[in-house]
Amino acid sequence: MFDIGFFELLLIGIVGLLVLGPERLPKAARTAGLWVGRIKRSVSTMQREITSQLEAEELRQKLAEQQKKLDEGINQARRGVEKHFESDSKGSSSPSTPTPSSGNNHQSAGATSDADPQPSSSPETPPAAPSSFPADKDSASR
């Protein structure tokens, strides 16, 4: 920070010796050394605090970016599942043609799904578990 060479220190020592005298000069040098030490410690403490705050802010930004990416992924998966259920419910609206692309023989025109909240017309056929849908298996493997 400051560039004090040997000549400057010698000059300060001579002036201090002339002003304070040989009796008070060692005590004054010791006091000055203690104050310089305290100042250095407080400056280094402030630097560490600033550094830790900057690191914490960087971590917060990274966390916010990861949260945003995660939210986008979840929204994309949700849209994919909703599209699958919409296409599945549109395909199952005609009772004469079952949907072969769904791979699920449990769902028929009268069965319920998350997209269609109507009650089932046949009580003996239980609704399929959500984990048996192919869209859920695809999103679980991502």
Protein backbone atom coordinates (compact mmCIF):
# COMPACT_ATOMS: atom_id res chain seq x y z
CA MET A 1 0.00 0.00 0.00
CA PHE A 2 2.55 2.57 1.14
CA ASP A 3 6.06 2.37 -0.14
CA ILE A 4 8.28 3.31 2.79
CA GLY A 5 11.93 2.51 2.33
CA PHE A 6 14.84 2.30 4.71
CA PHE A 7 15.77 5.99 4.29
CA GLU A 8 12.27 7.13 5.28
CA LEU A 9 12.25 4.89 8.36
CA LEU A 10 15.67 6.19 9.40
CA LEU A 11 14.47 9.79 9.02
CA ILE A 12 11.34 9.11 11.10
CA GLY A 13 13.49 7.45 13.79
CA ILE A 14 15.89 10.39 14.00
CA VAL A 15 13.05 12.94 14.21
CA GLY A 16 11.30 10.82 16.86
CA LEU A 17 14.50 10.54 18.87
CA LEU A 18 15.02 14.32 18.76
CA VAL A 19 11.38 15.15 19.60
CA LEU A 20 10.59 12.49 22.21
CA GLY A 21 14.00 11.77 23.62
CA PRO A 22 15.64 8.42 24.36
CA GLU A 23 13.40 7.68 27.39
CA ARG A 24 9.98 7.97 25.69
CA LEU A 25 10.89 6.78 22.16
CA PRO A 26 10.68 2.96 22.83
CA LYS A 27 7.26 3.34 24.48
CA ALA A 28 5.99 5.51 21.61
CA ALA A 29 7.31 3.01 19.03
CA ARG A 30 5.58 0.14 20.88
CA THR A 31 2.29 2.06 21.00
CA ALA A 32 2.54 2.94 17.31
CA GLY A 33 3.24 -0.72 16.49
CA LEU A 34 0.15 -1.83 18.45
CA TRP A 35 -2.05 0.68 16.63
CA VAL A 36 -0.70 -0.37 13.23
CA GLY A 37 -1.38 -4.02 14.15
CA ARG A 38 -4.94 -3.24 15.18
CA ILE A 39 -5.56 -1.34 11.96
CA LYS A 40 -4.15 -4.20 9.87
CA ARG A 41 -6.32 -6.74 11.68
CA SER A 42 -9.48 -4.66 11.23
CA VAL A 43 -8.72 -4.13 7.53
CA SER A 44 -8.12 -7.86 6.98
CA THR A 45 -11.35 -8.67 8.86
CA MET A 46 -13.29 -6.29 6.64
CA GLN A 47 -11.70 -7.81 3.53
CA ARG A 48 -12.70 -11.32 4.67
CA GLU A 49 -16.27 -10.19 5.34
CA ILE A 50 -16.52 -8.51 1.93
CA THR A 51 -15.11 -11.60 0.24
CA SER A 52 -17.56 -13.88 2.03
CA GLN A 53 -20.47 -11.59 1.12
CA LEU A 54 -19.42 -11.61 -2.54
CA GLU A 55 -19.16 -15.41 -2.51
CA ALA A 56 -22.58 -15.67 -0.88
CA GLU A 57 -24.05 -13.38 -3.54
CA GLU A 58 -22.49 -15.49 -6.30
CA LEU A 59 -23.99 -18.61 -4.72
CA ARG A 60 -27.40 -16.92 -4.54
CA GLN A 61 -27.20 -16.02 -8.22
CA LYS A 62 -26.19 -19.57 -9.17
CA LEU A 63 -29.00 -20.95 -7.01
CA ALA A 64 -31.51 -18.61 -8.66
CA GLU A 65 -30.31 -19.70 -12.12
CA GLN A 66 -30.61 -23.38 -11.17
CA GLN A 67 -34.08 -22.77 -9.71
CA LYS A 68 -35.13 -21.04 -12.93
CA LYS A 69 -33.82 -23.96 -15.02
CA LEU A 70 -35.60 -26.42 -12.75
CA ASP A 71 -38.86 -24.48 -12.99
CA GLU A 72 -38.57 -24.39 -16.78
CA GLY A 73 -37.97 -28.15 -16.86
CA ILE A 74 -40.95 -28.81 -14.61
CA ASN A 75 -43.18 -26.55 -16.71
CA GLN A 76 -42.00 -28.28 -19.89
CA ALA A 77 -42.72 -31.70 -18.39
CA ARG A 78 -46.13 -30.49 -17.19
CA ARG A 79 -46.98 -29.21 -20.67
CA GLY A 80 -45.89 -32.52 -22.18
CA VAL A 81 -48.07 -34.48 -19.78
CA GLU A 82 -51.01 -32.14 -20.39
CA LYS A 83 -50.58 -32.52 -24.16
CA HIS A 84 -50.47 -36.29 -23.75
CA PHE A 85 -53.67 -36.31 -21.69
CA GLU A 86 -55.39 -33.89 -24.08
CA SER A 87 -54.51 -36.03 -27.08
CA ASP A 88 -55.45 -39.15 -25.14
CA SER A 89 -58.82 -37.70 -24.11
CA LYS A 90 -59.50 -36.52 -27.69
CA GLY A 91 -58.60 -39.94 -29.07
CA SER A 92 -60.75 -41.78 -26.54
CA SER A 93 -63.83 -39.62 -27.20
CA SER A 94 -64.90 -41.94 -30.03
CA PRO A 95 -65.92 -45.30 -28.43
CA SER A 96 -65.32 -47.40 -31.57
CA THR A 97 -61.58 -46.63 -31.89
CA PRO A 98 -59.30 -47.27 -28.91
CA THR A 99 -56.03 -45.36 -28.74
CA PRO A 100 -53.19 -47.75 -29.58
CA SER A 101 -50.50 -45.09 -29.03
CA SER A 102 -51.23 -44.78 -25.32
CA GLY A 103 -50.27 -48.38 -24.51
CA ASN A 104 -52.83 -48.42 -21.71
CA ASN A 105 -55.76 -50.85 -22.06
CA HIS A 106 -57.30 -49.82 -18.74
CA GLN A 107 -58.56 -46.46 -19.96
CA SER A 108 -61.70 -46.39 -22.06
CA ALA A 109 -64.18 -43.72 -23.11
CA GLY A 110 -65.94 -43.73 -19.73
CA ALA A 111 -62.85 -44.00 -17.48
CA THR A 112 -61.59 -41.00 -15.57
CA SER A 113 -58.26 -39.28 -15.87
CA ASP A 114 -56.62 -36.18 -14.40
CA ALA A 115 -57.70 -34.13 -17.43
CA ASP A 116 -61.31 -35.48 -17.41
CA PRO A 117 -62.95 -35.18 -13.94
CA GLN A 118 -66.17 -37.07 -14.93
CA PRO A 119 -67.07 -40.15 -12.83
CA SER A 120 -66.59 -43.60 -14.32
CA SER A 121 -69.63 -45.31 -15.82
CA SER A 122 -68.42 -48.83 -14.94
CA PRO A 123 -67.79 -49.35 -11.21
CA GLU A 124 -65.92 -52.67 -11.69
CA THR A 125 -63.06 -51.06 -13.68
CA PRO A 126 -60.80 -49.09 -11.33
CA PRO A 127 -59.07 -46.00 -12.71
CA ALA A 128 -55.47 -46.59 -13.74
CA ALA A 129 -52.70 -45.50 -11.39
CA PRO A 130 -50.90 -42.33 -12.51
CA SER A 131 -47.53 -44.13 -12.54
CA SER A 132 -48.75 -46.56 -15.24
CA PHE A 133 -49.04 -43.84 -17.89
CA PRO A 134 -46.20 -43.78 -20.43
CA ALA A 135 -45.81 -40.01 -20.03
CA ASP A 136 -44.97 -40.48 -16.35
CA LYS A 137 -42.39 -43.12 -17.21
CA ASP A 138 -40.83 -40.77 -19.76
CA SER A 139 -40.66 -37.87 -17.32
CA ALA A 140 -39.23 -40.16 -14.60
CA SER A 141 -36.41 -41.23 -16.90
CA ARG A 142 -35.40 -37.60 -17.67
